[in-house]
Protein backbone atom coordinates (compact mmCIF):
# COMPACT_ATOMS: atom_id res chain seq x y z
CA UNK A 1 179.91 44.43 6.73
CA UNK A 2 177.55 47.42 7.65
CA UNK A 3 173.89 45.72 7.24
CA UNK A 4 172.59 49.34 6.43
CA UNK A 5 174.88 48.31 3.30
CA UNK A 6 173.70 45.66 2.37
CA UNK A 7 171.59 45.70 -1.01
CA UNK A 8 169.02 42.97 -0.57
CA UNK A 9 166.21 43.24 1.92
CA UNK A 10 164.11 40.76 3.53
CA UNK A 11 160.06 40.80 3.38
CA UNK A 12 157.95 40.38 6.05
CA UNK A 13 155.55 38.20 4.83
CA UNK A 14 155.86 34.31 3.16
CA UNK A 15 156.04 35.08 -0.21
CA UNK A 16 153.04 33.26 -2.30
CA UNK A 17 154.51 31.96 -5.18
CA UNK A 18 156.87 29.76 -2.89
CA UNK A 19 156.08 26.17 -3.18
CA UNK A 20 158.72 24.53 -0.59
CA UNK A 21 160.18 25.94 2.19
CA UNK A 22 163.79 26.87 1.10
CA UNK A 23 162.45 28.89 -1.92
CA UNK A 24 160.31 30.72 0.47
CA UNK A 25 163.47 31.56 2.98
CA UNK A 26 165.48 32.49 -0.33
CA UNK A 27 162.68 34.86 -1.28
CA UNK A 28 161.73 36.44 2.33
CA UNK A 29 165.67 36.63 3.34
CA UNK A 30 166.32 38.18 0.12
CA UNK A 31 168.92 35.97 -1.28
CA UNK A 32 167.34 35.69 -4.99
CA UNK A 33 165.43 37.71 -7.31
CA UNK A 34 163.35 35.86 -10.06
CA UNK A 35 163.85 37.38 -13.69
CA UNK A 36 162.02 35.12 -15.33
CA UNK A 37 160.71 30.89 -14.99
CA UNK A 38 163.32 29.38 -13.44
CA UNK A 39 166.60 32.22 -13.90
CA UNK A 40 167.25 33.87 -10.88
CA UNK A 41 170.11 36.32 -9.91
CA UNK A 42 171.73 35.26 -6.54
CA UNK A 43 172.08 38.38 -4.42
CA UNK A 44 174.69 39.09 -2.34
CA UNK A 45 173.83 36.56 0.84
CA UNK A 46 173.14 33.69 -1.67
CA UNK A 47 176.34 34.41 -3.38
CA UNK A 48 178.25 34.27 -0.06
CA UNK A 49 177.05 31.20 0.92
CA UNK A 50 177.23 29.39 -2.80
CA UNK A 51 180.91 30.66 -2.64
CA UNK A 52 181.74 29.31 0.52
CA UNK A 53 180.15 25.66 -1.02
CA UNK A 54 182.03 25.72 -4.18
CA UNK A 55 185.12 26.28 -1.78
CA UNK A 56 184.57 22.78 -0.26
CA UNK A 57 183.79 21.30 -3.31
CA UNK A 58 187.25 22.99 -4.97
CA UNK A 59 188.97 21.62 -2.00
CA UNK A 60 187.55 17.81 -1.75
CA UNK A 61 188.23 18.21 -5.78
CA UNK A 62 192.13 19.28 -5.83
CA UNK A 63 192.69 16.45 -3.28
CA UNK A 64 191.91 14.24 -5.60
CA UNK A 65 194.14 15.37 -8.09
CA UNK A 66 191.53 16.97 -10.41
CA UNK A 67 192.89 19.93 -12.26
CA UNK A 68 190.56 23.06 -12.30
CA UNK A 69 189.20 24.11 -16.16
CA UNK A 70 186.38 26.68 -17.41
CA UNK A 71 184.59 25.47 -20.90
CA UNK A 72 182.40 27.35 -22.89
CA UNK A 73 178.93 28.05 -22.25
CA UNK A 74 178.72 28.35 -25.65
CA UNK A 75 178.41 24.94 -27.97
CA UNK A 76 179.16 24.29 -31.30
CA UNK A 77 175.78 22.24 -33.12
CA UNK A 78 178.77 19.74 -35.03
CA UNK A 79 180.39 18.83 -31.34
CA UNK A 80 177.21 17.91 -30.16
CA UNK A 81 176.33 16.22 -33.72
CA UNK A 82 179.94 14.42 -33.12
CA UNK A 83 178.28 13.02 -29.81
CA UNK A 84 175.03 12.29 -31.69
CA UNK A 85 173.18 14.40 -28.96
CA UNK A 86 172.19 17.27 -31.27
CA UNK A 87 169.29 15.32 -32.54
CA UNK A 88 168.57 13.31 -29.92
CA UNK A 89 167.85 15.72 -27.29
CA UNK A 90 164.98 17.98 -28.17
CA UNK A 91 163.28 20.59 -25.89
CA UNK A 92 165.48 20.87 -23.15
CA UNK A 93 168.73 22.17 -25.24
CA UNK A 94 168.68 25.46 -26.24
CA UNK A 95 169.76 25.73 -29.43
CA UNK A 96 170.13 28.76 -31.95
CA UNK A 97 172.42 30.69 -34.52
CA UNK A 98 174.53 33.15 -33.71
CA UNK A 99 175.08 36.40 -36.04
CA UNK A 100 176.84 33.98 -38.88
CA UNK A 101 173.73 31.72 -39.00
CA UNK A 102 176.08 29.27 -37.38
CA UNK A 103 174.38 26.52 -35.21
CA UNK A 104 174.96 26.26 -31.97
CA UNK A 105 173.66 25.71 -28.50
CA UNK A 106 173.77 26.81 -24.61
CA UNK A 107 175.31 23.53 -23.20
CA UNK A 108 172.95 21.81 -20.21
CA UNK A 109 176.04 19.45 -19.49
CA UNK A 110 179.66 19.48 -20.45
CA UNK A 111 180.62 15.68 -21.93
CA UNK A 112 181.07 16.87 -25.71
CA UNK A 113 183.25 19.90 -24.48
CA UNK A 114 185.57 18.22 -21.94
CA UNK A 115 186.32 15.46 -25.33
CA UNK A 116 187.03 17.98 -27.12
CA UNK A 117 189.24 19.72 -25.08
CA UNK A 118 191.06 16.49 -24.18
CA UNK A 119 191.25 14.79 -27.34
CA UNK A 120 194.66 16.46 -28.91
CA UNK A 121 196.13 16.78 -24.91
CA UNK A 122 195.97 12.87 -24.20
CA UNK A 123 197.66 11.39 -26.90
CA UNK A 124 199.79 8.88 -25.08
CA UNK A 125 198.64 5.99 -22.28
CA UNK A 126 201.00 8.16 -20.12
CA UNK A 127 198.86 10.62 -19.26
CA UNK A 128 196.65 8.66 -17.83
CA UNK A 129 194.41 8.52 -15.87
CA UNK A 130 193.28 12.23 -15.00
CA UNK A 131 190.80 14.67 -13.91
CA UNK A 132 189.61 18.14 -14.58
CA UNK A 133 187.19 19.61 -13.48
CA UNK A 134 185.04 23.24 -13.75
CA UNK A 135 182.42 25.19 -11.80
CA UNK A 136 180.20 26.79 -14.00
CA UNK A 137 176.91 27.92 -15.73
CA UNK A 138 174.70 25.69 -17.54
CA UNK A 139 171.22 26.37 -19.31
CA UNK A 140 168.72 23.24 -18.90
CA UNK A 141 165.50 24.06 -20.98
CA UNK A 142 163.61 22.87 -17.98
CA UNK A 143 159.87 22.56 -18.43
CA UNK A 144 158.82 22.21 -15.22
CA UNK A 145 160.92 24.77 -13.65
CA UNK A 146 159.79 24.79 -9.60
CA UNK A 147 160.90 25.20 -5.95
CA UNK A 148 162.82 27.84 -6.66
CA UNK A 149 166.36 26.82 -7.11
CA UNK A 150 165.53 23.10 -6.65
CA UNK A 151 164.56 22.91 -10.24
CA UNK A 152 165.36 25.76 -12.46
CA UNK A 153 166.80 26.35 -15.72
CA UNK A 154 169.91 28.36 -15.57
CA UNK A 155 171.95 26.68 -13.26
CA UNK A 156 176.12 26.42 -11.91
CA UNK A 157 177.19 22.92 -11.42
CA UNK A 158 180.52 21.46 -10.48
CA UNK A 159 180.79 18.82 -13.05
CA UNK A 160 183.85 17.00 -12.94
CA UNK A 161 185.57 14.38 -15.74
CA UNK A 162 187.79 11.26 -15.60
CA UNK A 163 189.30 9.78 -18.65
CA UNK A 164 191.34 5.97 -17.85
CA UNK A 165 193.02 3.13 -20.04
CA UNK A 166 190.60 0.59 -18.08
CA UNK A 167 188.07 -0.13 -16.35
CA UNK A 168 189.85 -1.30 -13.20
CA UNK A 169 191.23 2.23 -12.75
CA UNK A 170 187.50 4.03 -13.54
CA UNK A 171 186.68 1.81 -10.85
CA UNK A 172 188.85 3.05 -8.47
CA UNK A 173 188.62 6.50 -9.39
CA UNK A 174 184.76 6.09 -9.16
CA UNK A 175 185.26 5.04 -6.09
CA UNK A 176 187.23 8.30 -4.76
CA UNK A 177 184.66 10.49 -6.57
CA UNK A 178 182.27 8.51 -4.52
CA UNK A 179 183.36 8.82 -1.27
CA UNK A 180 184.93 12.68 -1.44
CA UNK A 181 181.14 13.82 -2.23
CA UNK A 182 179.51 12.18 0.74
CA UNK A 183 182.95 14.57 2.72
CA UNK A 184 181.01 17.55 0.54
CA UNK A 185 177.78 17.12 1.90
CA UNK A 186 179.05 16.12 5.50
CA UNK A 187 180.97 19.36 5.39
CA UNK A 188 177.89 21.61 3.95
CA UNK A 189 175.70 20.46 6.88
CA UNK A 190 173.51 17.51 5.48
CA UNK A 191 175.58 14.27 6.11
CA UNK A 192 172.46 12.33 6.08
CA UNK A 193 172.59 12.58 2.46
CA UNK A 194 172.30 8.90 0.81
CA UNK A 195 174.23 7.12 -2.32
CA UNK A 196 171.04 5.58 -4.22
CA UNK A 197 171.94 3.56 -7.41
CA UNK A 198 170.76 5.63 -10.46
CA UNK A 199 169.89 5.06 -13.96
CA UNK A 200 172.35 6.71 -16.39
CA UNK A 201 169.50 8.34 -18.39
CA UNK A 202 170.74 10.54 -21.20
CA UNK A 203 174.08 10.52 -20.23
CA UNK A 204 174.38 7.07 -21.10
CA UNK A 205 177.12 4.18 -19.66
CA UNK A 206 177.21 1.17 -17.72
CA UNK A 207 176.23 2.42 -14.16
CA UNK A 208 175.48 5.12 -11.68
CA UNK A 209 174.89 6.94 -8.37
CA UNK A 210 172.51 9.62 -7.67
CA UNK A 211 173.41 11.47 -3.68
CA UNK A 212 169.79 11.47 -2.08
CA UNK A 213 168.61 13.84 0.37
CA UNK A 214 165.31 12.43 1.67
CA UNK A 215 163.26 14.86 2.25
CA UNK A 216 159.30 15.60 1.58
CA UNK A 217 159.88 18.10 -0.40
CA UNK A 218 161.80 15.92 -3.33
CA UNK A 219 160.16 14.55 -6.49
CA UNK A 220 162.18 11.43 -6.47
CA UNK A 221 161.36 8.51 -5.05
CA UNK A 222 163.37 6.42 -3.03
CA UNK A 223 164.00 2.88 -1.93
CA UNK A 224 165.84 1.97 0.91
CA UNK A 225 165.55 -1.40 2.36
CA UNK A 226 166.00 -1.26 6.67
CA UNK A 227 167.35 -4.58 6.95
CA UNK A 228 170.33 -4.56 4.12
CA UNK A 229 170.61 -1.30 3.36
CA UNK A 230 169.16 -2.00 -0.37
CA UNK A 231 169.19 1.66 -1.84
CA UNK A 232 167.64 2.20 -4.83
CA UNK A 233 166.14 5.56 -7.07
CA UNK A 234 162.45 4.42 -8.13
CA UNK A 235 163.70 4.49 -11.52
CA UNK A 236 165.65 1.57 -11.00
CA UNK A 237 164.91 0.08 -8.23
CA UNK A 238 163.59 -3.85 -8.58
CA UNK A 239 162.53 -7.43 -6.91
CA UNK A 240 163.39 -10.90 -7.53
CA UNK A 241 159.98 -12.58 -5.87
CA UNK A 242 156.36 -11.36 -6.69
CA UNK A 243 154.40 -13.37 -4.26
CA UNK A 244 151.77 -14.80 -7.01
CA UNK A 245 148.15 -13.79 -5.73
CA UNK A 246 146.43 -16.53 -7.67
CA UNK A 247 147.71 -19.67 -7.02
CA UNK A 248 145.27 -22.35 -8.17
CA UNK A 249 144.98 -22.43 -11.87
CA UNK A 250 141.51 -22.42 -13.23
CA UNK A 251 139.71 -22.75 -16.65
CA UNK A 252 139.70 -19.97 -18.81
CA UNK A 253 136.64 -18.68 -19.50
CA UNK A 254 135.02 -15.90 -20.98
CA UNK A 255 132.50 -13.59 -18.70
CA UNK A 256 130.16 -10.62 -19.42
CA UNK A 257 130.95 -7.36 -17.74
CA UNK A 258 129.70 -4.42 -19.27
CA UNK A 259 130.54 -0.88 -18.56
CA UNK A 260 133.90 -2.13 -16.77
CA UNK A 261 136.74 -0.22 -18.76
CA UNK A 262 138.24 0.49 -16.02
CA UNK A 263 140.37 -2.07 -13.23
CA UNK A 264 138.10 -0.31 -10.24
CA UNK A 265 134.65 -0.62 -12.13
CA UNK A 266 135.59 -3.90 -12.99
CA UNK A 267 136.74 -4.55 -9.35
CA UNK A 268 133.17 -3.17 -8.30
CA UNK A 269 131.43 -5.44 -10.63
CA UNK A 270 132.78 -9.28 -9.80
CA UNK A 271 133.92 -8.52 -6.32
CA UNK A 272 137.51 -9.41 -6.85
CA UNK A 273 140.63 -6.83 -5.82
CA UNK A 274 143.46 -5.71 -7.83
CA UNK A 275 145.90 -8.71 -7.36
CA UNK A 276 143.43 -10.72 -9.02
CA UNK A 277 143.86 -8.82 -12.64
CA UNK A 278 146.00 -8.28 -15.37
CA UNK A 279 145.68 -4.85 -16.76
CA UNK A 280 146.94 -3.26 -19.78
CA UNK A 281 148.62 -0.51 -19.88
CA UNK A 282 149.25 1.47 -23.35
CA UNK A 283 152.29 3.84 -24.92
CA UNK A 284 153.08 4.94 -27.90
CA UNK A 285 156.49 4.94 -28.88
CA UNK A 286 157.80 8.57 -30.25
CA UNK A 287 160.37 6.71 -33.34
CA UNK A 288 157.59 4.83 -34.83
CA UNK A 289 154.52 6.20 -33.21
CA UNK A 290 153.54 2.43 -32.72
CA UNK A 291 151.74 1.10 -29.51
CA UNK A 292 153.58 -0.55 -26.90
CA UNK A 293 151.24 -2.54 -24.64
CA UNK A 294 152.18 -3.94 -21.22
CA UNK A 295 150.62 -6.64 -19.78
CA UNK A 296 151.16 -5.80 -15.58
CA UNK A 297 149.38 -7.47 -12.75
CA UNK A 298 146.99 -4.70 -12.17
CA UNK A 299 148.21 -3.51 -8.39
CA UNK A 300 151.36 -2.95 -9.93
CA UNK A 301 152.31 0.66 -12.40
CA UNK A 302 154.29 0.35 -14.61
CA UNK A 303 158.15 2.05 -14.05
CA UNK A 304 158.27 3.88 -17.64
CA UNK A 305 162.14 4.42 -16.93
CA UNK A 306 162.73 0.67 -17.35
CA UNK A 307 160.32 0.35 -19.92
CA UNK A 308 161.95 3.20 -21.80
CA UNK A 309 165.25 1.32 -21.38
CA UNK A 310 164.15 -1.69 -22.33
CA UNK A 311 162.50 -0.63 -25.76
CA UNK A 312 165.27 1.68 -26.88
CA UNK A 313 163.23 4.78 -26.81
CA UNK A 314 160.83 7.26 -25.48
CA UNK A 315 157.36 6.70 -24.72
CA UNK A 316 154.32 8.99 -24.27
CA UNK A 317 150.91 7.71 -22.75
CA UNK A 318 148.92 6.68 -26.14
CA UNK A 319 145.33 8.25 -26.43
CA UNK A 320 142.98 5.70 -28.30
CA UNK A 321 143.59 5.23 -31.92
CA UNK A 322 140.87 3.99 -34.12
CA UNK A 323 142.52 1.73 -36.59
CA UNK A 324 145.20 0.12 -34.20
CA UNK A 325 142.70 -2.98 -33.57
CA UNK A 326 142.73 -2.27 -29.95
CA UNK A 327 139.83 -2.76 -28.12
CA UNK A 328 140.42 -0.21 -25.41
CA UNK A 329 139.06 -0.66 -21.86
CA UNK A 330 139.04 -4.52 -22.61
CA UNK A 331 142.39 -5.43 -23.67
CA UNK A 332 144.07 -8.25 -22.58
CA UNK A 333 146.80 -11.10 -23.20
CA UNK A 334 144.19 -13.68 -24.49
CA UNK A 335 144.19 -13.59 -28.47
CA UNK A 336 145.56 -9.82 -28.53
CA UNK A 337 145.90 -8.67 -32.37
CA UNK A 338 146.88 -5.02 -31.74
CA UNK A 339 148.10 -3.60 -35.14
CA UNK A 340 152.04 -3.19 -35.24
CA UNK A 341 152.17 -3.46 -31.19
CA UNK A 342 154.70 -4.27 -28.92
CA UNK A 343 154.16 -6.60 -26.61
CA UNK A 344 155.06 -6.47 -23.12
CA UNK A 345 154.66 -9.03 -19.99
CA UNK A 346 155.86 -7.64 -16.12
CA UNK A 347 157.38 -10.04 -14.18
CA UNK A 348 154.29 -9.35 -11.73
CA UNK A 349 152.38 -11.95 -13.98
CA UNK A 350 154.71 -14.56 -14.31
CA UNK A 351 153.69 -17.44 -10.77
CA UNK A 352 150.04 -16.23 -11.85
CA UNK A 353 147.99 -19.02 -11.95
CA UNK A 354 144.24 -17.88 -13.08
CA UNK A 355 143.96 -14.46 -13.70
CA UNK A 356 141.18 -11.65 -14.82
CA UNK A 357 142.02 -9.31 -17.76
CA UNK A 358 140.38 -8.10 -20.74
CA UNK A 359 139.13 -10.32 -23.72
CA UNK A 360 139.57 -7.85 -26.69
CA UNK A 361 135.79 -7.23 -27.07
CA UNK A 362 134.09 -4.18 -25.45
CA UNK A 363 131.80 -5.98 -22.25
CA UNK A 364 133.62 -9.05 -21.94
CA UNK A 365 136.59 -9.84 -19.67
CA UNK A 366 138.73 -13.73 -19.67
CA UNK A 367 138.73 -15.25 -15.98
CA UNK A 368 141.37 -18.54 -15.38
CA UNK A 369 143.69 -16.91 -17.37
CA UNK A 370 147.70 -18.60 -17.35
CA UNK A 371 149.97 -16.74 -19.63
CA UNK A 372 152.04 -19.55 -20.31
CA UNK A 373 149.06 -22.13 -20.85
CA UNK A 374 146.73 -19.66 -22.62
CA UNK A 375 148.96 -17.19 -24.88
CA UNK A 376 152.29 -19.44 -25.24
CA UNK A 377 155.82 -18.76 -24.04
CA UNK A 378 156.20 -15.39 -23.44
CA UNK A 379 159.56 -13.55 -21.49
CA UNK A 380 158.42 -11.49 -18.74
CA UNK A 381 160.40 -8.44 -18.37
CA UNK A 382 160.99 -6.40 -14.93
CA UNK A 383 159.35 -2.71 -15.86
CA UNK A 384 157.18 -2.23 -12.55
CA UNK A 385 157.58 0.20 -10.00
CA UNK A 386 158.55 -1.30 -6.70
CA UNK A 387 156.30 -1.19 -3.66
CA UNK A 388 156.42 -1.60 0.12
CA UNK A 389 154.55 -4.85 0.09
CA UNK A 390 157.92 -5.63 -2.55
CA UNK A 391 160.50 -7.90 -1.06
CA UNK A 392 163.95 -7.11 -0.61
CA UNK A 393 166.48 -7.91 -3.75
CA UNK A 394 169.50 -8.72 -1.80
CA UNK A 395 168.11 -9.85 1.97
CA UNK A 396 164.65 -11.52 0.09
CA UNK A 397 162.87 -9.85 3.05
CA UNK A 398 159.62 -7.15 3.19
CA UNK A 399 161.42 -4.33 4.46
CA UNK A 400 161.61 -1.70 2.04
CA UNK A 401 160.41 1.99 2.49
CA UNK A 402 159.76 4.42 -0.35
CA UNK A 403 160.40 8.20 0.45
CA UNK A 404 160.87 11.53 -1.16
CA UNK A 405 164.18 12.36 -2.06
CA UNK A 406 166.10 15.84 -3.78
CA UNK A 407 168.89 14.72 -5.81
CA UNK A 408 171.93 17.20 -5.09
CA UNK A 409 174.76 14.90 -6.76
CA UNK A 410 175.66 12.33 -9.35
CA UNK A 411 178.13 9.96 -10.61
CA UNK A 412 178.30 8.40 -13.64
CA UNK A 413 180.18 5.81 -15.47
CA UNK A 414 180.16 6.73 -19.01
CA UNK A 415 182.58 4.20 -20.72
CA UNK A 416 183.65 5.07 -24.46
CA UNK A 417 180.23 6.53 -25.45
CA UNK A 418 181.90 9.86 -25.86
CA UNK A 419 185.46 9.37 -26.61
CA UNK A 420 184.52 6.35 -29.13
CA UNK A 421 181.69 8.50 -30.81
CA UNK A 422 183.62 11.82 -31.33
CA UNK A 423 187.36 10.03 -32.30
CA UNK A 424 188.84 10.44 -29.02
CA UNK A 425 192.21 8.08 -29.18
CA UNK A 426 195.54 7.43 -27.20
CA UNK A 427 198.08 4.93 -28.33
CA UNK A 428 199.15 2.14 -25.66
CA UNK A 429 201.78 0.61 -24.71
CA UNK A 430 201.73 -1.38 -27.77
CA UNK A 431 200.94 1.78 -29.92
CA UNK A 432 197.61 0.49 -31.04
CA UNK A 433 195.19 3.27 -31.02
CA UNK A 434 192.05 2.86 -27.88
CA UNK A 435 189.63 5.16 -27.00
CA UNK A 436 189.41 6.35 -23.27
CA UNK A 437 187.40 5.51 -20.95
CA UNK A 438 185.48 8.17 -19.22
CA UNK A 439 183.54 8.82 -15.84
CA UNK A 440 181.40 12.32 -15.09
CA UNK A 441 180.58 13.43 -11.54
CA UNK A 442 178.47 16.27 -10.79
CA UNK A 443 176.89 18.94 -8.08
CA UNK A 444 174.59 20.94 -8.64
CA UNK A 445 175.59 24.30 -6.27
CA UNK A 446 172.41 26.47 -5.98
CA UNK A 447 170.18 23.53 -5.76
CA UNK A 448 172.63 21.90 -2.77
CA UNK A 449 172.13 25.65 -1.30
CA UNK A 450 168.32 24.70 -1.05
CA UNK A 451 168.63 21.65 -0.17
CA UNK A 452 170.74 21.79 2.74
CA UNK A 453 167.56 24.87 4.22
CA UNK A 454 165.33 21.91 3.53
CA UNK A 455 167.18 20.03 5.73
CA UNK A 456 167.96 22.49 8.43
CA UNK A 457 165.96 25.67 8.39
CA UNK A 458 162.47 26.32 9.41
CA UNK A 459 159.95 28.33 8.35
CA UNK A 460 161.17 31.67 10.10
CA UNK A 461 165.19 31.00 10.22
CA UNK A 462 167.83 29.70 7.82
CA UNK A 463 170.30 27.57 10.51
CA UNK A 464 172.92 27.84 8.26
CA UNK A 465 175.85 25.38 9.30
CA UNK A 466 178.66 27.38 10.39
CA UNK A 467 180.67 26.27 7.21
CA UNK A 468 178.63 27.64 4.49
CA UNK A 469 176.89 30.43 6.39
CA UNK A 470 176.90 33.78 4.86
CA UNK A 471 178.15 35.47 7.93
CA UNK A 472 180.19 34.01 10.81
CA UNK A 473 179.25 36.70 13.42
CA UNK A 474 176.14 39.05 13.22
CA UNK A 475 176.85 41.32 15.88
CA UNK A 476 173.15 43.27 17.22
CA UNK A 477 173.72 46.48 18.96
CA UNK A 478 170.03 47.45 20.10
CA UNK A 479 169.63 51.21 20.48
CA UNK A 480 172.61 51.76 18.51
CA UNK A 481 172.16 54.66 17.18
CA UNK A 482 170.56 56.49 20.55
CA UNK A 483 173.43 55.05 22.82
CA UNK A 484 177.21 56.31 22.77
CA UNK A 485 177.97 53.44 25.33
CA UNK A 486 176.69 50.90 22.78
CA UNK A 487 178.19 52.51 19.37
CA UNK A 488 181.58 52.79 20.67
CA UNK A 489 181.54 49.43 22.69
CA UNK A 490 179.76 48.10 19.39
CA UNK A 491 181.95 49.62 17.30
CA UNK A 492 185.44 48.02 18.27
CA UNK A 493 183.79 44.91 18.98
CA UNK A 494 183.34 45.06 15.01
CA UNK A 495 186.70 46.09 14.90
CA UNK A 496 188.53 43.62 16.79
CA UNK A 497 186.44 40.61 15.45
CA UNK A 498 187.14 41.77 11.86
CA UNK A 499 190.87 42.08 12.46
CA UNK A 500 190.67 38.67 13.87
CA UNK A 501 189.67 37.21 10.11
CA UNK A 502 185.88 36.62 10.63
CA UNK A 503 183.61 37.41 8.56
CA UNK A 504 180.97 39.26 10.14
CA UNK A 505 178.06 41.91 9.64
CA UNK A 506 177.46 44.64 12.08
CA UNK A 507 173.68 45.98 12.02
CA UNK A 508 174.00 48.92 12.51
CA UNK A 509 170.56 50.35 11.52
CA UNK A 510 167.98 51.89 13.24
CA UNK A 511 165.69 49.56 13.93
CA UNK A 512 163.34 47.89 16.45
CA UNK A 513 164.93 44.79 18.07
CA UNK A 514 162.47 42.91 16.73
CA UNK A 515 162.85 43.97 13.33
CA UNK A 516 166.68 43.27 13.69
CA UNK A 517 165.95 39.58 15.46
CA UNK A 518 163.76 38.44 12.51
CA UNK A 519 165.94 39.86 9.70
CA UNK A 520 169.06 37.88 11.80
CA UNK A 521 167.00 34.77 11.76
CA UNK A 522 166.93 35.03 8.03
CA UNK A 523 170.70 35.72 7.70
CA UNK A 524 171.74 32.59 10.03
CA UNK A 525 174.70 33.61 11.19
CA UNK A 526 175.67 30.39 13.44
CA UNK A 527 176.63 33.48 16.31
CA UNK A 528 175.19 36.10 17.23
CA UNK A 529 176.20 38.80 19.73
CA UNK A 530 173.71 41.61 21.21
CA UNK A 531 174.63 44.49 22.75
CA UNK A 532 171.90 46.09 25.02
CA UNK A 533 172.16 48.66 28.14
CA UNK A 534 171.73 45.89 30.54
CA UNK A 535 174.07 43.68 28.97
CA UNK A 536 176.68 46.48 29.23
CA UNK A 537 175.51 47.57 32.80
CA UNK A 538 176.49 43.94 33.87
CA UNK A 539 179.87 44.05 31.81
CA UNK A 540 178.56 41.31 29.20
CA UNK A 541 177.88 40.18 25.92
CA UNK A 542 174.71 38.53 25.40
CA UNK A 543 175.42 35.24 22.71
CA UNK A 544 173.78 32.89 20.43
CA UNK A 545 174.87 30.13 18.89
CA UNK A 546 173.12 28.17 16.26
CA UNK A 547 172.42 24.58 18.00
CA UNK A 548 172.04 25.94 21.47
CA UNK A 549 167.95 27.22 22.70
CA UNK A 550 169.20 29.66 25.23
CA UNK A 551 171.44 32.07 25.07
CA UNK A 552 174.46 32.57 26.89
CA UNK A 553 176.23 36.12 28.79
CA UNK A 554 179.49 36.41 28.35
CA UNK A 555 182.01 38.29 30.27
CA UNK A 556 183.28 41.29 27.53
CA UNK A 557 186.53 40.84 28.50
CA UNK A 558 186.53 37.04 27.24
CA UNK A 559 184.50 37.34 24.38
CA UNK A 560 187.25 36.54 21.96
CA UNK A 561 188.51 33.83 23.46
CA UNK A 562 184.80 32.38 23.28
CA UNK A 563 183.94 33.08 20.20
CA UNK A 564 187.18 32.00 18.86
CA UNK A 565 186.28 28.26 20.82
CA UNK A 566 183.07 28.08 19.69
CA UNK A 567 183.41 28.85 16.21
CA UNK A 568 186.26 26.22 16.05
CA UNK A 569 183.38 24.05 17.85
CA UNK A 570 180.62 24.84 14.96
CA UNK A 571 183.32 23.96 12.31
CA UNK A 572 184.01 20.62 13.47
């Protein structure tokens, strides 16, 4: 392609709106153009990259025997009512009426659609197992779109679905997808992606993994054990061993603690660390609006995903309510009598013998609290966030690290959540109706492209891996419009490389070398060929190859064999 014909333009300055490296490079390089919050046009360069990512994904999905389909973006309310998700998901699911007033949704995921598609096509056990996949547009009315393509509202996603007659069959195919995903991330240039145990969330099911690229730009927190390799999203990470801080049992005593309605002010007033205390974290159930009070050691934080999963409904931090009989700022487990309140005791309190906590009376706290002695027999539930001071649940060593990560894919064991609710059945070997068991496997294409930049790019260069770079080769002639020799040699080089099947960008513009080189760094072809008067006089081309610090001078007569060999090396 002639660069003078490329519709998108690069920008000289770093965009003010860019919050992440990938966001800035995609704007500066002319890859994306924003239409609205979280909604972007993919310009030609971006589309070339995502097309190559999609082709890699297709190859791996086809190798698993998955069949490609294309389901509608728009779905009926009736379909989502069948699964129960139409009323369960608010805000993120975009709902509208068509011209006949029929209620519809823009699909943010396609479980309902794929069950609808398959329920009349797989009525016998002989059809199973099978997998289908699509690469399709989705819309999620994300409240916090940010970071360019990292968190958007409209996006392209590969989602695959497998159907089974047994859990053993699902486990087998799940493992095959697990391995295929690792191959995909390696092929697109980020082999460092790790799979971590994750929460099933609104998808439901019995198990899930997320694929995480560990980097500062990530919003997720990933827990990894340096000793045994345990890996989990913070949402589901746990520890089996909370080392008690208060090991000596003491008598219960009420003390006067004026103006100490926060943990920090209490620590300062009585000169004790947070580990010596229990705090109350109060939420509101979104279904009944009743309070949920979590007692947890004061140096710990509540894991709201664990809490939500335990109580079975969404929650929100509670604001003070006058008639709920809660003494905010001085809440404690002894003699707590909050109106209609659910009370949960975190496992971090289980072995503590002498805690300090609120006395449910303004300006007073108790010391010497022993939950089992002073409150009674209670159940201790794990609702705490793991910290780096905790022990690994697998090897029991204090070797946990917590890093930021970008989710670049996920896989779920859905079970019969959707097939049962939507009435999908098949006849087994005995002629009895059964609900198929499902798996679900997703990769966001645009986010994956941006994540590669977060891992490989610097602020001035995209450094695309050869497998997904928008062009294989970038020819950069200096003084192309001023020298017939340079023009003729460059034109011949361009034509020959095109004939050899390479995807070549040819900078035929009348720009100075600095502009050409800066734009070339943003475009990121892994092989750059610089044609200059001095090089021609010496019968050489100057070659810059991705990953090499210094350019090489290659004899003009040897250039095509060199390109062939170096291209093969880059693709490895």
